[in-house]
Every structure is written in structure tokens, then in C-alpha cells.
PDB file of all heavy atoms in Angstrom:
ATOM      1  N   VAL A   1     -33.132-178.250  17.757  1.00  0.00           N
ATOM      2  CA  VAL A   1     -34.165-177.929  18.762  1.00  0.00           C
ATOM      3  C   VAL A   1     -34.201-176.440  19.017  1.00  0.00           C
ATOM      4  O   VAL A   1     -33.145-175.780  19.190  1.00  0.00           O
ATOM      5  CB  VAL A   1     -33.834-178.675  20.070  1.00  0.00           C
ATOM      6  CG1 VAL A   1     -34.723-178.207  21.208  1.00  0.00           C
ATOM      7  CG2 VAL A   1     -33.992-180.182  19.848  1.00  0.00           C
ATOM      8  N   GLN A   2     -35.383-175.909  19.045  1.00  0.00           N
ATOM      9  CA  GLN A   2     -35.560-174.479  19.322  1.00  0.00           C
ATOM     10  C   GLN A   2     -36.747-174.288  20.253  1.00  0.00           C
ATOM     11  O   GLN A   2     -37.805-174.882  20.073  1.00  0.00           O
ATOM     12  CB  GLN A   2     -35.798-173.678  18.032  1.00  0.00           C
ATOM     13  CG  GLN A   2     -34.566-173.431  17.240  1.00  0.00           C
ATOM     14  CD  GLN A   2     -34.792-172.418  16.140  1.00  0.00           C
ATOM     15  OE1 GLN A   2     -35.715-172.588  15.325  1.00  0.00           O
ATOM     16  NE2 GLN A   2     -33.964-171.379  16.107  1.00  0.00           N
ATOM     17  N   LEU A   3     -36.586-173.367  21.232  1.00  0.00           N
ATOM     18  CA  LEU A   3     -37.649-172.899  22.073  1.00  0.00           C
ATOM     19  C   LEU A   3     -37.552-171.355  22.014  1.00  0.00           C
ATOM     20  O   LEU A   3     -36.531-170.807  22.390  1.00  0.00           O
ATOM     21  CB  LEU A   3     -37.508-173.339  23.508  1.00  0.00           C
ATOM     22  CG  LEU A   3     -37.595-174.858  23.761  1.00  0.00           C
ATOM     23  CD1 LEU A   3     -37.252-175.150  25.222  1.00  0.00           C
ATOM     24  CD2 LEU A   3     -38.993-175.356  23.432  1.00  0.00           C
ATOM     25  N   VAL A   4     -38.577-170.699  21.503  1.00  0.00           N
ATOM     26  CA  VAL A   4     -38.568-169.277  21.267  1.00  0.00           C
ATOM     27  C   VAL A   4     -39.700-168.624  22.049  1.00  0.00           C
ATOM     28  O   VAL A   4     -40.856-168.822  21.721  1.00  0.00           O
ATOM     29  CB  VAL A   4     -38.667-168.939  19.770  1.00  0.00           C
ATOM     30  CG1 VAL A   4     -38.589-167.416  19.603  1.00  0.00           C
ATOM     31  CG2 VAL A   4     -37.557-169.616  18.984  1.00  0.00           C
ATOM     32  N   GLU A   5     -39.336-167.832  23.043  1.00  0.00           N
ATOM     33  CA  GLU A   5     -40.338-167.150  23.893  1.00  0.00           C
ATOM     34  C   GLU A   5     -40.699-165.806  23.263  1.00  0.00           C
ATOM     35  O   GLU A   5     -39.872-165.154  22.603  1.00  0.00           O
ATOM     36  CB  GLU A   5     -39.794-166.888  25.280  1.00  0.00           C
ATOM     37  CG  GLU A   5     -39.404-168.174  26.019  1.00  0.00           C
ATOM     38  CD  GLU A   5     -37.908-168.442  25.963  1.00  0.00           C
ATOM     39  OE1 GLU A   5     -37.273-168.021  24.976  1.00  0.00           O
ATOM     40  OE2 GLU A   5     -37.389-169.099  26.892  1.00  0.00           O
ATOM     41  N   SER A   6     -41.938-165.361  23.531  1.00  0.00           N
ATOM     42  CA  SER A   6     -42.387-164.037  23.128  1.00  0.00           C
ATOM     43  C   SER A   6     -43.470-163.609  24.109  1.00  0.00           C
ATOM     44  O   SER A   6     -44.030-164.402  24.894  1.00  0.00           O
ATOM     45  CB  SER A   6     -42.914-164.044  21.733  1.00  0.00           C
ATOM     46  OG  SER A   6     -44.015-164.933  21.573  1.00  0.00           O
ATOM     47  N   GLY A   7     -43.796-162.306  24.069  1.00  0.00           N
ATOM     48  CA  GLY A   7     -44.887-161.782  24.876  1.00  0.00           C
ATOM     49  C   GLY A   7     -44.474-160.972  26.087  1.00  0.00           C
ATOM     50  O   GLY A   7     -45.322-160.420  26.746  1.00  0.00           O
ATOM     51  N   GLY A   8     -43.201-160.956  26.373  1.00  0.00           N
ATOM     52  CA  GLY A   8     -42.704-160.179  27.507  1.00  0.00           C
ATOM     53  C   GLY A   8     -42.800-158.667  27.226  1.00  0.00           C
ATOM     54  O   GLY A   8     -43.021-158.229  26.096  1.00  0.00           O
ATOM     55  N   GLY A   9     -42.617-157.893  28.285  1.00  0.00           N
ATOM     56  CA  GLY A   9     -42.681-156.448  28.134  1.00  0.00           C
ATOM     57  C   GLY A   9     -42.833-155.750  29.481  1.00  0.00           C
ATOM     58  O   GLY A   9     -42.653-156.331  30.550  1.00  0.00           O
ATOM     59  N   LEU A  10     -43.180-154.473  29.390  1.00  0.00           N
ATOM     60  CA  LEU A  10     -43.411-153.635  30.570  1.00  0.00           C
ATOM     61  C   LEU A  10     -44.894-153.500  30.809  1.00  0.00           C
ATOM     62  O   LEU A  10     -45.655-153.168  29.904  1.00  0.00           O
ATOM     63  CB  LEU A  10     -42.769-152.265  30.371  1.00  0.00           C
ATOM     64  CG  LEU A  10     -42.951-151.244  31.448  1.00  0.00           C
ATOM     65  CD1 LEU A  10     -42.306-151.666  32.744  1.00  0.00           C
ATOM     66  CD2 LEU A  10     -42.397-149.901  31.004  1.00  0.00           C
ATOM     67  N   VAL A  11     -45.286-153.752  32.070  1.00  0.00           N
ATOM     68  CA  VAL A  11     -46.722-153.675  32.428  1.00  0.00           C
ATOM     69  C   VAL A  11     -46.832-153.109  33.807  1.00  0.00           C
ATOM     70  O   VAL A  11     -45.926-153.254  34.649  1.00  0.00           O
ATOM     71  CB  VAL A  11     -47.377-155.076  32.344  1.00  0.00           C
ATOM     72  CG1 VAL A  11     -46.781-156.037  33.364  1.00  0.00           C
ATOM     73  CG2 VAL A  11     -48.896-154.965  32.485  1.00  0.00           C
ATOM     74  N   GLN A  12     -47.938-152.400  34.084  1.00  0.00           N
ATOM     75  CA  GLN A  12     -48.176-151.867  35.409  1.00  0.00           C
ATOM     76  C   GLN A  12     -48.675-152.965  36.345  1.00  0.00           C
ATOM     77  O   GLN A  12     -49.229-153.952  35.954  1.00  0.00           O
ATOM     78  CB  GLN A  12     -49.205-150.765  35.360  1.00  0.00           C
ATOM     79  CG  GLN A  12     -48.787-149.484  34.673  1.00  0.00           C
ATOM     80  CD  GLN A  12     -49.764-148.389  34.748  1.00  0.00           C
ATOM     81  OE1 GLN A  12     -50.438-148.202  35.775  1.00  0.00           O
ATOM     82  NE2 GLN A  12     -49.919-147.628  33.680  1.00  0.00           N
ATOM     83  N   ALA A  13     -48.384-152.766  37.665  1.00  0.00           N
ATOM     84  CA  ALA A  13     -48.906-153.686  38.662  1.00  0.00           C
ATOM     85  C   ALA A  13     -50.408-153.851  38.534  1.00  0.00           C
ATOM     86  O   ALA A  13     -51.130-152.890  38.332  1.00  0.00           O
ATOM     87  CB  ALA A  13     -48.546-153.184  40.045  1.00  0.00           C
ATOM     88  N   GLY A  14     -50.865-155.081  38.666  1.00  0.00           N
ATOM     89  CA  GLY A  14     -52.266-155.393  38.467  1.00  0.00           C
ATOM     90  C   GLY A  14     -52.637-155.755  37.040  1.00  0.00           C
ATOM     91  O   GLY A  14     -53.755-156.246  36.789  1.00  0.00           O
ATOM     92  N   GLY A  15     -51.736-155.565  36.114  1.00  0.00           N
ATOM     93  CA  GLY A  15     -52.005-155.838  34.725  1.00  0.00           C
ATOM     94  C   GLY A  15     -51.752-157.278  34.365  1.00  0.00           C
ATOM     95  O   GLY A  15     -51.433-158.118  35.226  1.00  0.00           O
ATOM     96  N   SER A  16     -51.853-157.599  33.057  1.00  0.00           N
ATOM     97  CA  SER A  16     -51.715-158.967  32.579  1.00  0.00           C
ATOM     98  C   SER A  16     -50.783-159.058  31.390  1.00  0.00           C
ATOM     99  O   SER A  16     -50.659-158.088  30.622  1.00  0.00           O
ATOM    100  CB  SER A  16     -53.094-159.507  32.141  1.00  0.00           C
ATOM    101  OG  SER A  16     -53.994-159.585  33.226  1.00  0.00           O
ATOM    102  N   LEU A  17     -50.155-160.173  31.248  1.00  0.00           N
ATOM    103  CA  LEU A  17     -49.375-160.521  30.071  1.00  0.00           C
ATOM    104  C   LEU A  17     -49.575-161.991  29.726  1.00  0.00           C
ATOM    105  O   LEU A  17     -49.816-162.809  30.623  1.00  0.00           O
ATOM    106  CB  LEU A  17     -47.855-160.293  30.294  1.00  0.00           C
ATOM    107  CG  LEU A  17     -47.334-158.854  30.272  1.00  0.00           C
ATOM    108  CD1 LEU A  17     -45.853-158.859  30.694  1.00  0.00           C
ATOM    109  CD2 LEU A  17     -47.476-158.237  28.907  1.00  0.00           C
ATOM    110  N   ARG A  18     -49.444-162.322  28.457  1.00  0.00           N
ATOM    111  CA  ARG A  18     -49.479-163.701  28.035  1.00  0.00           C
ATOM    112  C   ARG A  18     -48.183-164.047  27.292  1.00  0.00           C
ATOM    113  O   ARG A  18     -47.900-163.504  26.252  1.00  0.00           O
ATOM    114  CB  ARG A  18     -50.684-163.953  27.085  1.00  0.00           C
ATOM    115  CG  ARG A  18     -50.889-165.423  26.733  1.00  0.00           C
ATOM    116  CD  ARG A  18     -51.783-165.541  25.512  1.00  0.00           C
ATOM    117  NE  ARG A  18     -52.269-166.879  25.269  1.00  0.00           N
ATOM    118  CZ  ARG A  18     -52.544-167.373  24.050  1.00  0.00           C
ATOM    119  NH1 ARG A  18     -52.408-166.611  22.988  1.00  0.00           N
ATOM    120  NH2 ARG A  18     -52.986-168.601  23.947  1.00  0.00           N
ATOM    121  N   LEU A  19     -47.403-164.941  27.889  1.00  0.00           N
ATOM    122  CA  LEU A  19     -46.187-165.404  27.307  1.00  0.00           C
ATOM    123  C   LEU A  19     -46.434-166.610  26.405  1.00  0.00           C
ATOM    124  O   LEU A  19     -47.292-167.447  26.733  1.00  0.00           O
ATOM    125  CB  LEU A  19     -45.158-165.789  28.366  1.00  0.00           C
ATOM    126  CG  LEU A  19     -44.814-164.721  29.374  1.00  0.00           C
ATOM    127  CD1 LEU A  19     -43.687-165.222  30.330  1.00  0.00           C
ATOM    128  CD2 LEU A  19     -44.423-163.411  28.742  1.00  0.00           C
ATOM    129  N   SER A  20     -45.712-166.683  25.296  1.00  0.00           N
ATOM    130  CA  SER A  20     -45.811-167.818  24.379  1.00  0.00           C
ATOM    131  C   SER A  20     -44.467-168.439  24.160  1.00  0.00           C
ATOM    132  O   SER A  20     -43.436-167.744  24.215  1.00  0.00           O
ATOM    133  CB  SER A  20     -46.393-167.373  23.042  1.00  0.00           C
ATOM    134  OG  SER A  20     -47.673-166.835  23.169  1.00  0.00           O
ATOM    135  N   CYS A  21     -44.451-169.721  23.921  1.00  0.00           N
ATOM    136  CA  CYS A  21     -43.201-170.439  23.639  1.00  0.00           C
ATOM    137  C   CYS A  21     -43.462-171.361  22.420  1.00  0.00           C
ATOM    138  O   CYS A  21     -44.322-172.228  22.509  1.00  0.00           O
ATOM    139  CB  CYS A  21     -42.711-171.273  24.826  1.00  0.00           C
ATOM    140  SG  CYS A  21     -41.300-172.332  24.503  1.00  0.00           S
ATOM    141  N   ALA A  22     -42.755-171.124  21.361  1.00  0.00           N
ATOM    142  CA  ALA A  22     -42.870-171.914  20.136  1.00  0.00           C
ATOM    143  C   ALA A  22     -41.751-172.955  20.122  1.00  0.00           C
ATOM    144  O   ALA A  22     -40.564-172.606  20.219  1.00  0.00           O
ATOM    145  CB  ALA A  22     -42.773-171.033  18.927  1.00  0.00           C
ATOM    146  N   ALA A  23     -42.098-174.209  20.016  1.00  0.00           N
ATOM    147  CA  ALA A  23     -41.169-175.311  20.131  1.00  0.00           C
ATOM    148  C   ALA A  23     -41.028-176.007  18.750  1.00  0.00           C
ATOM    149  O   ALA A  23     -41.982-176.166  18.014  1.00  0.00           O
ATOM    150  CB  ALA A  23     -41.609-176.329  21.156  1.00  0.00           C
ATOM    151  N   SER A  24     -39.787-176.513  18.484  1.00  0.00           N
ATOM    152  CA  SER A  24     -39.551-177.240  17.265  1.00  0.00           C
ATOM    153  C   SER A  24     -38.332-178.090  17.446  1.00  0.00           C
ATOM    154  O   SER A  24     -37.509-177.868  18.328  1.00  0.00           O
ATOM    155  CB  SER A  24     -39.357-176.340  16.063  1.00  0.00           C
ATOM    156  OG  SER A  24     -38.253-175.477  16.230  1.00  0.00           O
ATOM    157  N   GLY A  25     -38.222-179.164  16.643  1.00  0.00           N
ATOM    158  CA  GLY A  25     -37.040-180.055  16.652  1.00  0.00           C
ATOM    159  C   GLY A  25     -37.105-181.232  17.576  1.00  0.00           C
ATOM    160  O   GLY A  25     -36.111-181.954  17.695  1.00  0.00           O
ATOM    161  N   PHE A  26     -38.231-181.486  18.220  1.00  0.00           N
ATOM    162  CA  PHE A  26     -38.466-182.631  19.093  1.00  0.00           C
ATOM    163  C   PHE A  26     -39.943-182.981  19.106  1.00  0.00           C
ATOM    164  O   PHE A  26     -40.761-182.233  18.597  1.00  0.00           O
ATOM    165  CB  PHE A  26     -37.886-182.420  20.491  1.00  0.00           C
ATOM    166  CG  PHE A  26     -38.548-181.300  21.255  1.00  0.00           C
ATOM    167  CD1 PHE A  26     -39.569-181.549  22.122  1.00  0.00           C
ATOM    168  CD2 PHE A  26     -38.133-179.959  21.067  1.00  0.00           C
ATOM    169  CE1 PHE A  26     -40.210-180.534  22.815  1.00  0.00           C
ATOM    170  CE2 PHE A  26     -38.735-178.939  21.775  1.00  0.00           C
ATOM    171  CZ  PHE A  26     -39.772-179.215  22.647  1.00  0.00           C
ATOM    172  N   ILE A  27     -40.233-184.151  19.696  1.00  0.00           N
ATOM    173  CA  ILE A  27     -41.625-184.574  19.781  1.00  0.00           C
ATOM    174  C   ILE A  27     -42.298-183.839  20.909  1.00  0.00           C
ATOM    175  O   ILE A  27     -42.289-184.259  22.044  1.00  0.00           O
ATOM    176  CB  ILE A  27     -41.748-186.110  19.940  1.00  0.00           C
ATOM    177  CG1 ILE A  27     -40.969-186.831  18.846  1.00  0.00           C
ATOM    178  CG2 ILE A  27     -43.213-186.537  19.959  1.00  0.00           C
ATOM    179  CD1 ILE A  27     -40.897-188.309  18.987  1.00  0.00           C
ATOM    180  N   PHE A  28     -42.938-182.736  20.547  1.00  0.00           N
ATOM    181  CA  PHE A  28     -43.511-181.851  21.535  1.00  0.00           C
ATOM    182  C   PHE A  28     -44.548-182.525  22.427  1.00  0.00           C
ATOM    183  O   PHE A  28     -44.587-182.300  23.670  1.00  0.00           O
ATOM    184  CB  PHE A  28     -44.145-180.616  20.851  1.00  0.00           C
ATOM    185  CG  PHE A  28     -44.812-179.629  21.758  1.00  0.00           C
ATOM    186  CD1 PHE A  28     -44.027-178.684  22.415  1.00  0.00           C
ATOM    187  CD2 PHE A  28     -46.160-179.638  21.974  1.00  0.00           C
ATOM    188  CE1 PHE A  28     -44.608-177.783  23.266  1.00  0.00           C
ATOM    189  CE2 PHE A  28     -46.749-178.718  22.823  1.00  0.00           C
ATOM    190  CZ  PHE A  28     -45.981-177.799  23.469  1.00  0.00           C
ATOM    191  N   SER A  29     -45.424-183.350  21.865  1.00  0.00           N
ATOM    192  CA  SER A  29     -46.515-183.978  22.593  1.00  0.00           C
ATOM    193  C   SER A  29     -45.997-184.925  23.677  1.00  0.00           C
ATOM    194  O   SER A  29     -46.763-185.285  24.586  1.00  0.00           O
ATOM    195  CB  SER A  29     -47.450-184.689  21.657  1.00  0.00           C
ATOM    196  OG  SER A  29     -46.787-185.697  20.934  1.00  0.00           O
ATOM    197  N   SER A  30     -44.752-185.380  23.601  1.00  0.00           N
ATOM    198  CA  SER A  30     -44.160-186.257  24.581  1.00  0.00           C
ATOM    199  C   SER A  30     -43.382-185.540  25.671  1.00  0.00           C
ATOM    200  O   SER A  30     -42.863-186.187  26.593  1.00  0.00           O
ATOM    201  CB  SER A  30     -43.253-187.271  23.888  1.00  0.00           C
ATOM    202  OG  SER A  30     -43.963-188.089  23.012  1.00  0.00           O
ATOM    203  N   ALA A  31     -43.278-184.230  25.558  1.00  0.00           N
ATOM    204  CA  ALA A  31     -42.426-183.447  26.448  1.00  0.00           C
ATOM    205  C   ALA A  31     -43.218-182.838  27.617  1.00  0.00           C
ATOM    206  O   ALA A  31     -44.344-182.400  27.427  1.00  0.00           O
ATOM    207  CB  ALA A  31     -41.734-182.358  25.679  1.00  0.00           C
ATOM    208  N   THR A  32     -42.589-182.836  28.749  1.00  0.00           N
ATOM    209  CA  THR A  32     -43.055-182.021  29.863  1.00  0.00           C
ATOM    210  C   THR A  32     -42.505-180.575  29.665  1.00  0.00           C
ATOM    211  O   THR A  32     -41.297-180.425  29.520  1.00  0.00           O
ATOM    212  CB  THR A  32     -42.600-182.569  31.240  1.00  0.00           C
ATOM    213  OG1 THR A  32     -43.244-183.842  31.439  1.00  0.00           O
ATOM    214  CG2 THR A  32     -43.021-181.627  32.359  1.00  0.00           C
ATOM    215  N   MET A  33     -43.411-179.635  29.643  1.00  0.00           N
ATOM    216  CA  MET A  33     -43.019-178.244  29.413  1.00  0.00           C
ATOM    217  C   MET A  33     -43.163-177.445  30.724  1.00  0.00           C
ATOM    218  O   MET A  33     -43.959-177.761  31.584  1.00  0.00           O
ATOM    219  CB  MET A  33     -43.924-177.617  28.347  1.00  0.00           C
ATOM    220  CG  MET A  33     -43.904-178.348  27.022  1.00  0.00           C
ATOM    221  SD  MET A  33     -42.262-178.421  26.231  1.00  0.00           S
ATOM    222  CE  MET A  33     -42.002-176.636  25.949  1.00  0.00           C
ATOM    223  N   ALA A  34     -42.315-176.403  30.822  1.00  0.00           N
ATOM    224  CA  ALA A  34     -42.328-175.598  32.037  1.00  0.00           C
ATOM    225  C   ALA A  34     -41.915-174.193  31.745  1.00  0.00           C
ATOM    226  O   ALA A  34     -41.274-173.871  30.735  1.00  0.00           O
ATOM    227  CB  ALA A  34     -41.388-176.208  33.099  1.00  0.00           C
ATOM    228  N   TRP A  35     -42.307-173.299  32.641  1.00  0.00           N
ATOM    229  CA  TRP A  35     -41.817-171.909  32.682  1.00  0.00           C
ATOM    230  C   TRP A  35     -41.014-171.727  33.961  1.00  0.00           C
ATOM    231  O   TRP A  35     -41.454-172.090  35.034  1.00  0.00           O
ATOM    232  CB  TRP A  35     -42.936-170.892  32.651  1.00  0.00           C
ATOM    233  CG  TRP A  35     -43.650-170.812  31.308  1.00  0.00           C
ATOM    234  CD1 TRP A  35     -44.774-171.472  30.915  1.00  0.00           C
ATOM    235  CD2 TRP A  35     -43.216-170.036  30.196  1.00  0.00           C
ATOM    236  NE1 TRP A  35     -45.107-171.119  29.658  1.00  0.00           N
ATOM    237  CE2 TRP A  35     -44.177-170.228  29.181  1.00  0.00           C
ATOM    238  CE3 TRP A  35     -42.158-169.137  29.971  1.00  0.00           C
ATOM    239  CZ2 TRP A  35     -44.095-169.578  27.932  1.00  0.00           C
ATOM    240  CZ3 TRP A  35     -42.092-168.528  28.753  1.00  0.00           C
ATOM    241  CH2 TRP A  35     -43.017-168.749  27.736  1.00  0.00           C
ATOM    242  N   TYR A  36     -39.831-171.153  33.802  1.00  0.00           N
ATOM    243  CA  TYR A  36     -38.974-170.751  34.902  1.00  0.00           C
ATOM    244  C   TYR A  36     -38.786-169.227  34.828  1.00  0.00           C
ATOM    245  O   TYR A  36     -39.020-168.606  33.797  1.00  0.00           O
ATOM    246  CB  TYR A  36     -37.608-171.424  34.846  1.00  0.00           C
ATOM    247  CG  TYR A  36     -37.561-172.887  35.194  1.00  0.00           C
ATOM    248  CD1 TYR A  36     -38.089-173.854  34.314  1.00  0.00           C
ATOM    249  CD2 TYR A  36     -37.058-173.344  36.381  1.00  0.00           C
ATOM    250  CE1 TYR A  36     -38.057-175.191  34.632  1.00  0.00           C
ATOM    251  CE2 TYR A  36     -36.998-174.668  36.716  1.00  0.00           C
ATOM    252  CZ  TYR A  36     -37.526-175.588  35.850  1.00  0.00           C
ATOM    253  OH  TYR A  36     -37.469-176.956  36.178  1.00  0.00           O
ATOM    254  N   ARG A  37     -38.302-168.648  35.904  1.00  0.00           N
ATOM    255  CA  ARG A  37     -37.933-167.265  35.879  1.00  0.00           C
ATOM    256  C   ARG A  37     -36.684-166.984  36.739  1.00  0.00           C
ATOM    257  O   ARG A  37     -36.412-167.747  37.650  1.00  0.00           O
ATOM    258  CB  ARG A  37     -39.127-166.355  36.369  1.00  0.00           C
ATOM    259  CG  ARG A  37     -39.401-166.431  37.842  1.00  0.00           C
ATOM    260  CD  ARG A  37     -40.631-165.640  38.185  1.00  0.00           C
ATOM    261  NE  ARG A  37     -40.877-165.501  39.605  1.00  0.00           N
ATOM    262  CZ  ARG A  37     -41.931-164.972  40.162  1.00  0.00           C
ATOM    263  NH1 ARG A  37     -42.905-164.471  39.375  1.00  0.00           N
ATOM    264  NH2 ARG A  37     -42.061-164.883  41.483  1.00  0.00           N
ATOM    265  N   GLN A  38     -35.985-165.904  36.396  1.00  0.00           N
ATOM    266  CA  GLN A  38     -34.783-165.540  37.134  1.00  0.00           C
ATOM    267  C   GLN A  38     -34.681-164.035  37.241  1.00  0.00           C
ATOM    268  O   GLN A  38     -34.637-163.347  36.202  1.00  0.00           O
ATOM    269  CB  GLN A  38     -33.542-166.115  36.462  1.00  0.00           C
ATOM    270  CG  GLN A  38     -32.276-165.882  37.260  1.00  0.00           C
ATOM    271  CD  GLN A  38     -31.129-166.708  36.728  1.00  0.00           C
ATOM    272  OE1 GLN A  38     -31.076-167.083  35.540  1.00  0.00           O
ATOM    273  NE2 GLN A  38     -30.182-166.998  37.602  1.00  0.00           N
ATOM    274  N   ALA A  39     -34.694-163.527  38.450  1.00  0.00           N
ATOM    275  CA  ALA A  39     -34.499-162.123  38.720  1.00  0.00           C
ATOM    276  C   ALA A  39     -32.988-161.853  38.928  1.00  0.00           C
ATOM    277  O   ALA A  39     -32.250-162.758  39.307  1.00  0.00           O
ATOM    278  CB  ALA A  39     -35.289-161.670  39.912  1.00  0.00           C
ATOM    279  N   PRO A  40     -32.549-160.625  38.698  1.00  0.00           N
ATOM    280  CA  PRO A  40     -31.130-160.315  38.882  1.00  0.00           C
ATOM    281  C   PRO A  40     -30.628-160.661  40.280  1.00  0.00           C
ATOM    282  O   PRO A  40     -31.258-160.349  41.278  1.00  0.00           O
ATOM    283  CB  PRO A  40     -31.056-158.804  38.653  1.00  0.00           C
ATOM    284  CG  PRO A  40     -32.193-158.523  37.756  1.00  0.00           C
ATOM    285  CD  PRO A  40     -33.291-159.451  38.183  1.00  0.00           C
ATOM    286  N   GLY A  41     -29.500-161.388  40.353  1.00  0.00           N
ATOM    287  CA  GLY A  41     -28.892-161.759  41.629  1.00  0.00           C
ATOM    288  C   GLY A  41     -29.581-162.905  42.336  1.00  0.00           C
ATOM    289  O   GLY A  41     -29.172-163.265  43.448  1.00  0.00           O
TER     290      GLY A  41
END
């Protein structure tokens, strides 16, 4: 099973980014997918 994120980086306030996650090793169409985030501390 692999989940590989891409698209992160440095952006100015008000800007945009598009994150991508490539999945493999399981039946993707049957899965609930989510994005989480964690800031330091």
C-alpha cells in the first residue's frame, strides 16, 4: 500500500496550491479518502 502526496510548497497569503495523492495497493474506489494536517506543536 502506498499513498504519495505532492504539490506542497511555499506560497504567499491569498495564493493557491493543489495537492495530489497517488494511491496504490488497495481498492481505491471502495475507500474513504481524507486530507489531514499537522502544524508544529
